[in-house]
PDB file of N, CA and C in Angstrom:
ATOM      1  N   MET A   1       6.224  -2.032  -6.496  1.00  0.00           N
ATOM      2  CA  MET A   1       5.684  -0.708  -6.507  1.00  0.00           C
ATOM      3  C   MET A   1       4.867  -0.498  -7.730  1.00  0.00           C
ATOM      4  N   THR A   2       3.672  -0.058  -7.455  1.00  0.00           N
ATOM      5  CA  THR A   2       2.704   0.188  -8.530  1.00  0.00           C
ATOM      6  C   THR A   2       2.603   1.675  -8.771  1.00  0.00           C
ATOM      7  N   LYS A   3       2.585   2.059 -10.064  1.00  0.00           N
ATOM      8  CA  LYS A   3       2.465   3.465 -10.390  1.00  0.00           C
ATOM      9  C   LYS A   3       0.937   3.872 -10.102  1.00  0.00           C
ATOM     10  N   PRO A   4       0.795   5.152  -9.769  1.00  0.00           N
ATOM     11  CA  PRO A   4      -0.581   5.633  -9.526  1.00  0.00           C
ATOM     12  C   PRO A   4      -1.541   5.503 -10.745  1.00  0.00           C
ATOM     13  N   ALA A   5      -1.020   5.644 -11.930  1.00  0.00           N
ATOM     14  CA  ALA A   5      -1.884   5.526 -13.127  1.00  0.00           C
ATOM     15  C   ALA A   5      -2.385   4.088 -13.218  1.00  0.00           C
ATOM     16  N   GLU A   6      -1.548   3.084 -12.884  1.00  0.00           N
ATOM     17  CA  GLU A   6      -2.005   1.684 -12.953  1.00  0.00           C
ATOM     18  C   GLU A   6      -3.011   1.458 -11.836  1.00  0.00           C
ATOM     19  N   LEU A   7      -2.838   2.052 -10.696  1.00  0.00           N
ATOM     20  CA  LEU A   7      -3.821   1.847  -9.602  1.00  0.00           C
ATOM     21  C   LEU A   7      -5.115   2.475  -9.919  1.00  0.00           C
ATOM     22  N   ARG A   8      -5.175   3.615 -10.632  1.00  0.00           N
ATOM     23  CA  ARG A   8      -6.416   4.217 -10.943  1.00  0.00           C
ATOM     24  C   ARG A   8      -7.266   3.447 -11.906  1.00  0.00           C
ATOM     25  N   GLU A   9      -6.655   2.536 -12.683  1.00  0.00           N
ATOM     26  CA  GLU A   9      -7.341   1.734 -13.626  1.00  0.00           C
ATOM     27  C   GLU A   9      -8.077   0.555 -12.932  1.00  0.00           C
ATOM     28  N   LYS A  10      -7.683   0.201 -11.674  1.00  0.00           N
ATOM     29  CA  LYS A  10      -8.238  -0.881 -10.951  1.00  0.00           C
ATOM     30  C   LYS A  10      -9.616  -0.463 -10.384  1.00  0.00           C
ATOM     31  N   SER A  11     -10.466  -1.427 -10.011  1.00  0.00           N
ATOM     32  CA  SER A  11     -11.766  -1.166  -9.395  1.00  0.00           C
ATOM     33  C   SER A  11     -11.490  -0.898  -7.913  1.00  0.00           C
ATOM     34  N   THR A  12     -12.518  -0.321  -7.275  1.00  0.00           N
ATOM     35  CA  THR A  12     -12.423  -0.059  -5.847  1.00  0.00           C
ATOM     36  C   THR A  12     -12.149  -1.359  -4.996  1.00  0.00           C
ATOM     37  N   ASP A  13     -12.911  -2.371  -5.370  1.00  0.00           N
ATOM     38  CA  ASP A  13     -12.704  -3.694  -4.659  1.00  0.00           C
ATOM     39  C   ASP A  13     -11.228  -4.149  -4.765  1.00  0.00           C
ATOM     40  N   GLN A  14     -10.716  -4.058  -5.916  1.00  0.00           N
ATOM     41  CA  GLN A  14      -9.346  -4.443  -6.135  1.00  0.00           C
ATOM     42  C   GLN A  14      -8.356  -3.663  -5.309  1.00  0.00           C
ATOM     43  N   LEU A  15      -8.655  -2.318  -5.294  1.00  0.00           N
ATOM     44  CA  LEU A  15      -7.749  -1.455  -4.494  1.00  0.00           C
ATOM     45  C   LEU A  15      -7.834  -1.771  -3.034  1.00  0.00           C
ATOM     46  N   GLU A  16      -9.080  -2.017  -2.515  1.00  0.00           N
ATOM     47  CA  GLU A  16      -9.190  -2.347  -1.091  1.00  0.00           C
ATOM     48  C   GLU A  16      -8.512  -3.644  -0.774  1.00  0.00           C
ATOM     49  N   PHE A  17      -8.662  -4.626  -1.662  1.00  0.00           N
ATOM     50  CA  PHE A  17      -7.917  -5.953  -1.437  1.00  0.00           C
ATOM     51  C   PHE A  17      -6.401  -5.700  -1.463  1.00  0.00           C
ATOM     52  N   SER A  18      -5.860  -4.891  -2.323  1.00  0.00           N
ATOM     53  CA  SER A  18      -4.496  -4.637  -2.416  1.00  0.00           C
ATOM     54  C   SER A  18      -4.038  -3.912  -1.111  1.00  0.00           C
ATOM     55  N   LEU A  19      -4.875  -2.970  -0.652  1.00  0.00           N
ATOM     56  CA  LEU A  19      -4.511  -2.266   0.589  1.00  0.00           C
ATOM     57  C   LEU A  19      -4.411  -3.261   1.766  1.00  0.00           C
ATOM     58  N   ARG A  20      -5.408  -4.128   1.873  1.00  0.00           N
ATOM     59  CA  ARG A  20      -5.363  -5.058   3.044  1.00  0.00           C
ATOM     60  C   ARG A  20      -4.076  -6.014   2.913  1.00  0.00           C
ATOM     61  N   GLU A  21      -3.854  -6.441   1.738  1.00  0.00           N
ATOM     62  CA  GLU A  21      -2.666  -7.287   1.518  1.00  0.00           C
ATOM     63  C   GLU A  21      -1.345  -6.588   1.829  1.00  0.00           C
ATOM     64  N   THR A  22      -1.284  -5.356   1.360  1.00  0.00           N
ATOM     65  CA  THR A  22      -0.011  -4.592   1.582  1.00  0.00           C
ATOM     66  C   THR A  22       0.122  -4.298   3.142  1.00  0.00           C
ATOM     67  N   GLN A  23      -1.024  -3.986   3.774  1.00  0.00           N
ATOM     68  CA  GLN A  23      -0.905  -3.795   5.253  1.00  0.00           C
ATOM     69  C   GLN A  23      -0.485  -4.983   5.968  1.00  0.00           C
ATOM     70  N   GLU A  24      -0.920  -6.211   5.535  1.00  0.00           N
ATOM     71  CA  GLU A  24      -0.494  -7.460   6.204  1.00  0.00           C
ATOM     72  C   GLU A  24       1.013  -7.723   5.927  1.00  0.00           C
ATOM     73  N   GLN A  25       1.472  -7.417   4.731  1.00  0.00           N
ATOM     74  CA  GLN A  25       2.933  -7.523   4.464  1.00  0.00           C
ATOM     75  C   GLN A  25       3.740  -6.597   5.283  1.00  0.00           C
ATOM     76  N   LEU A  26       3.262  -5.364   5.471  1.00  0.00           N
ATOM     77  CA  LEU A  26       3.954  -4.400   6.283  1.00  0.00           C
ATOM     78  C   LEU A  26       4.051  -4.909   7.708  1.00  0.00           C
ATOM     79  N   PHE A  27       2.907  -5.491   8.237  1.00  0.00           N
ATOM     80  CA  PHE A  27       2.917  -6.049   9.573  1.00  0.00           C
ATOM     81  C   PHE A  27       3.945  -7.074   9.789  1.00  0.00           C
ATOM     82  N   ARG A  28       4.037  -7.967   8.773  1.00  0.00           N
ATOM     83  CA  ARG A  28       4.998  -9.053   8.809  1.00  0.00           C
ATOM     84  C   ARG A  28       6.435  -8.530   8.818  1.00  0.00           C
ATOM     85  N   LEU A  29       6.679  -7.447   8.031  1.00  0.00           N
ATOM     86  CA  LEU A  29       8.008  -6.850   7.966  1.00  0.00           C
ATOM     87  C   LEU A  29       8.376  -6.232   9.326  1.00  0.00           C
ATOM     88  N   ARG A  30       7.416  -5.565   9.910  1.00  0.00           N
ATOM     89  CA  ARG A  30       7.672  -4.948  11.216  1.00  0.00           C
ATOM     90  C   ARG A  30       7.910  -5.953  12.272  1.00  0.00           C
ATOM     91  N   PHE A  31       7.311  -7.131  12.174  1.00  0.00           N
ATOM     92  CA  PHE A  31       7.557  -8.152  13.063  1.00  0.00           C
ATOM     93  C   PHE A  31       8.990  -8.768  12.903  1.00  0.00           C
ATOM     94  N   GLN A  32       9.414  -8.825  11.683  1.00  0.00           N
ATOM     95  CA  GLN A  32      10.746  -9.272  11.330  1.00  0.00           C
ATOM     96  C   GLN A  32      11.779  -8.279  11.847  1.00  0.00           C
ATOM     97  N   ALA A  33      11.479  -7.013  11.694  1.00  0.00           N
ATOM     98  CA  ALA A  33      12.325  -5.942  12.182  1.00  0.00           C
ATOM     99  C   ALA A  33      12.493  -5.999  13.673  1.00  0.00           C
ATOM    100  N   ALA A  34      11.434  -6.302  14.371  1.00  0.00           N
ATOM    101  CA  ALA A  34      11.505  -6.382  15.820  1.00  0.00           C
ATOM    102  C   ALA A  34      12.350  -7.532  16.317  1.00  0.00           C
ATOM    103  N   THR A  35      12.297  -8.629  15.503  1.00  0.00           N
ATOM    104  CA  THR A  35      13.099  -9.804  15.868  1.00  0.00           C
ATOM    105  C   THR A  35      14.430  -9.846  15.233  1.00  0.00           C
ATOM    106  N   GLU A  36      14.802  -8.714  14.579  1.00  0.00           N
ATOM    107  CA  GLU A  36      16.149  -8.542  13.905  1.00  0.00           C
ATOM    108  C   GLU A  36      16.413  -9.570  12.861  1.00  0.00           C
ATOM    109  N   LYS A  37      15.386  -9.957  12.109  1.00  0.00           N
ATOM    110  CA  LYS A  37      15.632 -10.923  10.954  1.00  0.00           C
ATOM    111  C   LYS A  37      15.166 -10.270   9.657  1.00  0.00           C
ATOM    112  N   LEU A  38      15.159  -8.968   9.589  1.00  0.00           N
ATOM    113  CA  LEU A  38      14.766  -8.277   8.385  1.00  0.00           C
ATOM    114  C   LEU A  38      15.954  -8.145   7.398  1.00  0.00           C
ATOM    115  N   ASP A  39      15.715  -8.689   6.209  1.00  0.00           N
ATOM    116  CA  ASP A  39      16.690  -8.668   5.175  1.00  0.00           C
ATOM    117  C   ASP A  39      16.881  -7.339   4.439  1.00  0.00           C
ATOM    118  N   ALA A  40      15.752  -6.735   4.129  1.00  0.00           N
ATOM    119  CA  ALA A  40      15.790  -5.487   3.375  1.00  0.00           C
ATOM    120  C   ALA A  40      15.021  -4.347   4.174  1.00  0.00           C
ATOM    121  N   PRO A  41      15.599  -3.577   4.979  1.00  0.00           N
ATOM    122  CA  PRO A  41      14.910  -2.527   5.649  1.00  0.00           C
ATOM    123  C   PRO A  41      14.248  -1.538   4.753  1.00  0.00           C
ATOM    124  N   SER A  42      14.751  -1.401   3.565  1.00  0.00           N
ATOM    125  CA  SER A  42      14.092  -0.448   2.631  1.00  0.00           C
ATOM    126  C   SER A  42      12.647  -0.830   2.218  1.00  0.00           C
ATOM    127  N   ASN A  43      12.378  -2.114   2.368  1.00  0.00           N
ATOM    128  CA  ASN A  43      10.958  -2.541   2.104  1.00  0.00           C
ATOM    129  C   ASN A  43       9.950  -1.922   2.969  1.00  0.00           C
ATOM    130  N   LEU A  44      10.297  -1.601   4.237  1.00  0.00           N
ATOM    131  CA  LEU A  44       9.395  -0.913   5.162  1.00  0.00           C
ATOM    132  C   LEU A  44       8.898   0.337   4.457  1.00  0.00           C
ATOM    133  N   ARG A  45       9.787   1.160   4.058  1.00  0.00           N
ATOM    134  CA  ARG A  45       9.442   2.441   3.352  1.00  0.00           C
ATOM    135  C   ARG A  45       8.564   2.193   2.140  1.00  0.00           C
ATOM    136  N   LYS A  46       8.994   1.179   1.316  1.00  0.00           N
ATOM    137  CA  LYS A  46       8.237   0.974   0.060  1.00  0.00           C
ATOM    138  C   LYS A  46       6.796   0.567   0.393  1.00  0.00           C
ATOM    139  N   PHE A  47       6.586  -0.242   1.385  1.00  0.00           N
ATOM    140  CA  PHE A  47       5.247  -0.725   1.666  1.00  0.00           C
ATOM    141  C   PHE A  47       4.382   0.460   2.312  1.00  0.00           C
ATOM    142  N   ARG A  48       5.057   1.294   3.113  1.00  0.00           N
ATOM    143  CA  ARG A  48       4.376   2.479   3.666  1.00  0.00           C
ATOM    144  C   ARG A  48       3.920   3.424   2.590  1.00  0.00           C
ATOM    145  N   ARG A  49       4.708   3.597   1.641  1.00  0.00           N
ATOM    146  CA  ARG A  49       4.383   4.506   0.497  1.00  0.00           C
ATOM    147  C   ARG A  49       3.252   3.891  -0.360  1.00  0.00           C
ATOM    148  N   GLU A  50       3.431   2.552  -0.554  1.00  0.00           N
ATOM    149  CA  GLU A  50       2.302   1.922  -1.355  1.00  0.00           C
ATOM    150  C   GLU A  50       0.960   2.057  -0.643  1.00  0.00           C
ATOM    151  N   ILE A  51       0.959   1.895   0.655  1.00  0.00           N
ATOM    152  CA  ILE A  51      -0.281   2.048   1.448  1.00  0.00           C
ATOM    153  C   ILE A  51      -0.863   3.501   1.322  1.00  0.00           C
ATOM    154  N   ALA A  52       0.106   4.414   1.369  1.00  0.00           N
ATOM    155  CA  ALA A  52      -0.319   5.807   1.250  1.00  0.00           C
ATOM    156  C   ALA A  52      -0.911   6.142  -0.137  1.00  0.00           C
ATOM    157  N   ARG A  53      -0.299   5.512  -1.197  1.00  0.00           N
ATOM    158  CA  ARG A  53      -0.774   5.674  -2.559  1.00  0.00           C
ATOM    159  C   ARG A  53      -2.184   5.145  -2.720  1.00  0.00           C
ATOM    160  N   LEU A  54      -2.385   3.850  -2.145  1.00  0.00           N
ATOM    161  CA  LEU A  54      -3.669   3.240  -2.260  1.00  0.00           C
ATOM    162  C   LEU A  54      -4.777   4.041  -1.451  1.00  0.00           C
ATOM    163  N   LYS A  55      -4.422   4.548  -0.315  1.00  0.00           N
ATOM    164  CA  LYS A  55      -5.372   5.216   0.508  1.00  0.00           C
ATOM    165  C   LYS A  55      -5.745   6.525  -0.168  1.00  0.00           C
ATOM    166  N   THR A  56      -4.781   7.240  -0.776  1.00  0.00           N
ATOM    167  CA  THR A  56      -4.977   8.486  -1.536  1.00  0.00           C
ATOM    168  C   THR A  56      -5.926   8.261  -2.674  1.00  0.00           C
ATOM    169  N   ILE A  57      -5.758   7.269  -3.412  1.00  0.00           N
ATOM    170  CA  ILE A  57      -6.640   7.059  -4.587  1.00  0.00           C
ATOM    171  C   ILE A  57      -8.070   6.646  -4.108  1.00  0.00           C
ATOM    172  N   LEU A  58      -8.098   5.844  -3.098  1.00  0.00           N
ATOM    173  CA  LEU A  58      -9.465   5.470  -2.534  1.00  0.00           C
ATOM    174  C   LEU A  58     -10.177   6.696  -1.990  1.00  0.00           C
ATOM    175  N   ARG A  59      -9.499   7.584  -1.297  1.00  0.00           N
ATOM    176  CA  ARG A  59     -10.051   8.801  -0.716  1.00  0.00           C
ATOM    177  C   ARG A  59     -10.486   9.711  -1.864  1.00  0.00           C
ATOM    178  N   GLN A  60      -9.736   9.801  -2.932  1.00  0.00           N
ATOM    179  CA  GLN A  60     -10.124  10.645  -4.114  1.00  0.00           C
ATOM    180  C   GLN A  60     -11.429  10.131  -4.717  1.00  0.00           C
ATOM    181  N   ARG A  61     -11.643   8.842  -4.745  1.00  0.00           N
ATOM    182  CA  ARG A  61     -12.844   8.255  -5.300  1.00  0.00           C
ATOM    183  C   ARG A  61     -14.053   8.552  -4.354  1.00  0.00           C
ATOM    184  N   ASP A  62     -13.770   8.518  -3.076  1.00  0.00           N
ATOM    185  CA  ASP A  62     -14.878   8.829  -2.161  1.00  0.00           C
ATOM    186  C   ASP A  62     -15.375  10.204  -2.222  1.00  0.00           C
ATOM    187  N   THR A  63     -14.381  11.125  -2.352  1.00  0.00           N
ATOM    188  CA  THR A  63     -14.782  12.562  -2.356  1.00  0.00           C
ATOM    189  C   THR A  63     -15.130  13.090  -3.766  1.00  0.00           C
ATOM    190  N   GLY A  64     -14.827  12.243  -4.795  1.00  0.00           N
ATOM    191  CA  GLY A  64     -15.142  12.714  -6.163  1.00  0.00           C
ATOM    192  C   GLY A  64     -14.102  13.709  -6.702  1.00  0.00           C
ATOM    193  N   THR A  65     -12.979  13.729  -6.104  1.00  0.00           N
ATOM    194  CA  THR A  65     -11.853  14.620  -6.530  1.00  0.00           C
ATOM    195  C   THR A  65     -11.326  14.117  -7.854  1.00  0.00           C
ATOM    196  N   PRO A  66     -11.151  14.970  -8.812  1.00  0.00           N
ATOM    197  CA  PRO A  66     -10.551  14.529 -10.124  1.00  0.00           C
ATOM    198  C   PRO A  66      -9.169  14.094  -9.893  1.00  0.00           C
ATOM    199  N   GLN A  67      -8.753  13.120 -10.737  1.00  0.00           N
ATOM    200  CA  GLN A  67      -7.384  12.659 -10.627  1.00  0.00           C
ATOM    201  C   GLN A  67      -6.618  13.382 -11.588  1.00  0.00           C
TER     202      GLN A  67
END
């Protein structure tokens, strides 16, 4: 889990890469959950929140909203 302040220090390209990577990890976890081989169900929530955090910061940059 990355703190929002740490994410704001990254460039937009780095954030977009992190977003894609996190979405892929969430997809893999959902696949594991469907096949009942998921070790830590709490990771689903963590990755969803991380994706929301990344999307929020990217959106703020697009609209020019102050952080």
